Amino acid sequence: MADNMLENRTRLTPKWDERGLIQAIATDAASGDLLMVAHMNAEALDRTLASGEAHFWSRSRQAIWKKGETSGHVLRIVEIRIDCDQDAVWMKVDPAGPACHTGERSCFYRVVEGGQLRRD
């Protein structure tokens, strides 16, 4: 049964995990294509909301990073949604170039077939 108090909230109150993170999904606002999945902490979400460009928390570097700060391939926010229990953020974005650090348009450029990877 749904938690009406949680699902009917009108205030943004993210449910951070034990590390202070939530999942952040970015899709192309025009095509709907999945571009990337990363993590955000409170500061990354605040910077994203304030700037209109996606910021994330790098678990490997233990630091905030703005997507595209060195490449110029920023993700401009078109719309942000949060799931019903507020532990995942979905950003519809206008990408200024490839989303993946490899230069691919999406981080999901490989298909898994029979335990092997094939470029899409």
C-alpha atoms as a PDB file:
ATOM      1  CA  MET A   1       0.000   0.000   0.000  1.00  0.00           C
ATOM      2  CA  ALA A   2       1.239   3.474  -0.837  1.00  0.00           C
ATOM      3  CA  ASP A   3       2.575   5.747   1.845  1.00  0.00           C
ATOM      4  CA  ASN A   4       0.258   8.698   1.253  1.00  0.00           C
ATOM      5  CA  MET A   5       2.346  11.022   3.420  1.00  0.00           C
ATOM      6  CA  LEU A   6       5.398  10.339   1.257  1.00  0.00           C
ATOM      7  CA  GLU A   7       3.764  10.112  -2.154  1.00  0.00           C
ATOM      8  CA  ASN A   8       1.564  13.171  -1.755  1.00  0.00           C
ATOM      9  CA  ARG A   9       4.300  15.511  -0.558  1.00  0.00           C
ATOM     10  CA  THR A  10       4.743  18.717  -2.470  1.00  0.00           C
ATOM     11  CA  ARG A  11       8.138  19.536  -0.936  1.00  0.00           C
ATOM     12  CA  LEU A  12      11.376  18.144  -2.303  1.00  0.00           C
ATOM     13  CA  THR A  13      12.839  15.968   0.469  1.00  0.00           C
ATOM     14  CA  PRO A  14      15.238  13.474  -1.124  1.00  0.00           C
ATOM     15  CA  LYS A  15      15.789  10.158   0.628  1.00  0.00           C
ATOM     16  CA  TRP A  16      19.586   9.882   0.659  1.00  0.00           C
ATOM     17  CA  ASP A  17      21.233   6.476   1.069  1.00  0.00           C
ATOM     18  CA  GLU A  18      23.703   5.691   3.873  1.00  0.00           C
ATOM     19  CA  ARG A  19      26.457   7.466   1.887  1.00  0.00           C
ATOM     20  CA  GLY A  20      24.301  10.556   1.336  1.00  0.00           C
ATOM     21  CA  LEU A  21      23.622   9.758  -2.327  1.00  0.00           C
ATOM     22  CA  ILE A  22      20.704   9.250  -4.693  1.00  0.00           C
ATOM     23  CA  GLN A  23      20.634   7.799  -8.202  1.00  0.00           C
ATOM     24  CA  ALA A  24      20.529  10.370 -11.004  1.00  0.00           C
ATOM     25  CA  ILE A  25      19.328   9.373 -14.455  1.00  0.00           C
ATOM     26  CA  ALA A  26      19.762  11.622 -17.500  1.00  0.00           C
ATOM     27  CA  THR A  27      17.752  11.192 -20.682  1.00  0.00           C
ATOM     28  CA  ASP A  28      17.725  13.280 -23.844  1.00  0.00           C
ATOM     29  CA  ALA A  29      14.653  15.529 -23.615  1.00  0.00           C
ATOM     30  CA  ALA A  30      14.125  15.458 -27.396  1.00  0.00           C
ATOM     31  CA  SER A  31      14.632  11.752 -28.181  1.00  0.00           C
ATOM     32  CA  GLY A  32      14.019  10.123 -24.803  1.00  0.00           C
ATOM     33  CA  ASP A  33      17.300   8.181 -25.118  1.00  0.00           C
ATOM     34  CA  LEU A  34      18.985   7.129 -21.886  1.00  0.00           C
ATOM     35  CA  LEU A  35      22.286   9.024 -21.683  1.00  0.00           C
ATOM     36  CA  MET A  36      23.785   8.247 -18.296  1.00  0.00           C
ATOM     37  CA  VAL A  37      23.232   7.104 -14.713  1.00  0.00           C
ATOM     38  CA  ALA A  38      25.279   8.612 -11.913  1.00  0.00           C
ATOM     39  CA  HIS A  39      24.926   9.729  -8.296  1.00  0.00           C
ATOM     40  CA  MET A  40      24.150  13.022  -6.616  1.00  0.00           C
ATOM     41  CA  ASN A  41      24.635  14.219  -3.081  1.00  0.00           C
ATOM     42  CA  ALA A  42      22.773  17.210  -1.643  1.00  0.00           C
ATOM     43  CA  GLU A  43      25.342  19.707  -2.920  1.00  0.00           C
ATOM     44  CA  ALA A  44      25.251  18.276  -6.456  1.00  0.00           C
ATOM     45  CA  LEU A  45      21.456  18.442  -6.511  1.00  0.00           C
ATOM     46  CA  ASP A  46      21.507  22.005  -5.155  1.00  0.00           C
ATOM     47  CA  ARG A  47      24.051  23.093  -7.796  1.00  0.00           C
ATOM     48  CA  THR A  48      21.990  21.418 -10.520  1.00  0.00           C
ATOM     49  CA  LEU A  49      18.808  23.160  -9.412  1.00  0.00           C
ATOM     50  CA  ALA A  50      20.549  26.536  -9.087  1.00  0.00           C
ATOM     51  CA  SER A  51      22.526  26.450 -12.349  1.00  0.00           C
ATOM     52  CA  GLY A  52      20.262  24.524 -14.714  1.00  0.00           C
ATOM     53  CA  GLU A  53      23.176  22.243 -15.615  1.00  0.00           C
ATOM     54  CA  ALA A  54      23.806  18.736 -14.285  1.00  0.00           C
ATOM     55  CA  HIS A  55      26.242  18.218 -11.401  1.00  0.00           C
ATOM     56  CA  PHE A  56      27.066  14.860  -9.869  1.00  0.00           C
ATOM     57  CA  TRP A  57      29.023  13.228  -7.059  1.00  0.00           C
ATOM     58  CA  SER A  58      31.987  11.167  -8.222  1.00  0.00           C
ATOM     59  CA  ARG A  59      32.314   8.135  -5.974  1.00  0.00           C
ATOM     60  CA  SER A  60      35.792   7.371  -7.341  1.00  0.00           C
ATOM     61  CA  ARG A  61      37.148  10.908  -6.866  1.00  0.00           C
ATOM     62  CA  GLN A  62      34.992  11.702  -3.821  1.00  0.00           C
ATOM     63  CA  ALA A  63      34.193  15.106  -5.310  1.00  0.00           C
ATOM     64  CA  ILE A  64      31.440  17.126  -6.986  1.00  0.00           C
ATOM     65  CA  TRP A  65      31.740  17.391 -10.754  1.00  0.00           C
ATOM     66  CA  LYS A  66      29.834  19.406 -13.280  1.00  0.00           C
ATOM     67  CA  LYS A  67      29.131  17.339 -16.365  1.00  0.00           C
ATOM     68  CA  GLY A  68      31.089  18.935 -19.200  1.00  0.00           C
ATOM     69  CA  GLU A  69      33.270  21.222 -17.092  1.00  0.00           C
ATOM     70  CA  THR A  70      36.356  20.180 -19.074  1.00  0.00           C
ATOM     71  CA  SER A  71      34.841  18.857 -22.323  1.00  0.00           C
ATOM     72  CA  GLY A  72      32.133  21.485 -22.760  1.00  0.00           C
ATOM     73  CA  HIS A  73      29.575  18.670 -23.116  1.00  0.00           C
ATOM     74  CA  VAL A  74      27.232  19.990 -20.439  1.00  0.00           C
ATOM     75  CA  LEU A  75      23.777  18.586 -19.783  1.00  0.00           C
ATOM     76  CA  ARG A  76      21.321  21.499 -19.708  1.00  0.00           C
ATOM     77  CA  ILE A  77      18.271  20.722 -17.612  1.00  0.00           C
ATOM     78  CA  VAL A  78      14.899  20.790 -19.359  1.00  0.00           C
ATOM     79  CA  GLU A  79      12.948  19.099 -16.545  1.00  0.00           C
ATOM     80  CA  ILE A  80      13.728  17.300 -13.299  1.00  0.00           C
ATOM     81  CA  ARG A  81      11.514  14.643 -11.779  1.00  0.00           C
ATOM     82  CA  ILE A  82      11.882  12.619  -8.614  1.00  0.00           C
ATOM     83  CA  ASP A  83      10.432   9.166  -8.046  1.00  0.00           C
ATOM     84  CA  CYS A  84       7.620   8.363  -5.618  1.00  0.00           C
ATOM     85  CA  ASP A  85       9.831   7.740  -2.574  1.00  0.00           C
ATOM     86  CA  GLN A  86      12.319  10.472  -3.517  1.00  0.00           C
ATOM     87  CA  ASP A  87      15.421   8.298  -3.797  1.00  0.00           C
ATOM     88  CA  ALA A  88      16.071   8.720  -7.533  1.00  0.00           C
ATOM     89  CA  VAL A  89      16.212  11.794  -9.766  1.00  0.00           C
ATOM     90  CA  TRP A  90      15.338  11.781 -13.466  1.00  0.00           C
ATOM     91  CA  MET A  91      16.680  14.673 -15.511  1.00  0.00           C
ATOM     92  CA  LYS A  92      15.433  15.364 -19.007  1.00  0.00           C
ATOM     93  CA  VAL A  93      18.319  17.227 -20.581  1.00  0.00           C
ATOM     94  CA  ASP A  94      19.535  19.001 -23.681  1.00  0.00           C
ATOM     95  CA  PRO A  95      23.031  17.536 -24.156  1.00  0.00           C
ATOM     96  CA  ALA A  96      25.738  19.773 -25.626  1.00  0.00           C
ATOM     97  CA  GLY A  97      27.665  16.891 -27.145  1.00  0.00           C
ATOM     98  CA  PRO A  98      28.347  13.305 -26.087  1.00  0.00           C
ATOM     99  CA  ALA A  99      27.236  12.314 -22.595  1.00  0.00           C
ATOM    100  CA  CYS A 100      29.826   9.566 -22.108  1.00  0.00           C
ATOM    101  CA  HIS A 101      33.436  10.263 -21.165  1.00  0.00           C
ATOM    102  CA  THR A 102      34.426   7.865 -23.969  1.00  0.00           C
ATOM    103  CA  GLY A 103      32.989  10.258 -26.548  1.00  0.00           C
ATOM    104  CA  GLU A 104      29.907   8.128 -27.159  1.00  0.00           C
ATOM    105  CA  ARG A 105      26.530   9.871 -27.275  1.00  0.00           C
ATOM    106  CA  SER A 106      25.268   7.661 -24.404  1.00  0.00           C
ATOM    107  CA  CYS A 107      27.076   5.677 -21.734  1.00  0.00           C
ATOM    108  CA  PHE A 108      24.880   2.755 -22.836  1.00  0.00           C
ATOM    109  CA  TYR A 109      26.465   2.192 -26.262  1.00  0.00           C
ATOM    110  CA  ARG A 110      27.024  -1.574 -25.867  1.00  0.00           C
ATOM    111  CA  VAL A 111      24.540  -4.433 -26.067  1.00  0.00           C
ATOM    112  CA  VAL A 112      24.995  -7.578 -23.957  1.00  0.00           C
ATOM    113  CA  GLU A 113      24.542 -10.733 -26.079  1.00  0.00           C
ATOM    114  CA  GLY A 114      25.388 -14.183 -24.777  1.00  0.00           C
ATOM    115  CA  GLY A 115      27.764 -12.818 -22.167  1.00  0.00           C
ATOM    116  CA  GLN A 116      29.609 -10.714 -24.737  1.00  0.00           C
ATOM    117  CA  LEU A 117      29.467  -6.998 -25.507  1.00  0.00           C
ATOM    118  CA  ARG A 118      28.589  -5.631 -28.932  1.00  0.00           C
ATOM    119  CA  ARG A 119      28.767  -1.964 -29.915  1.00  0.00           C
ATOM    120  CA  ASP A 120      25.351  -0.663 -30.822  1.00  0.00           C
END
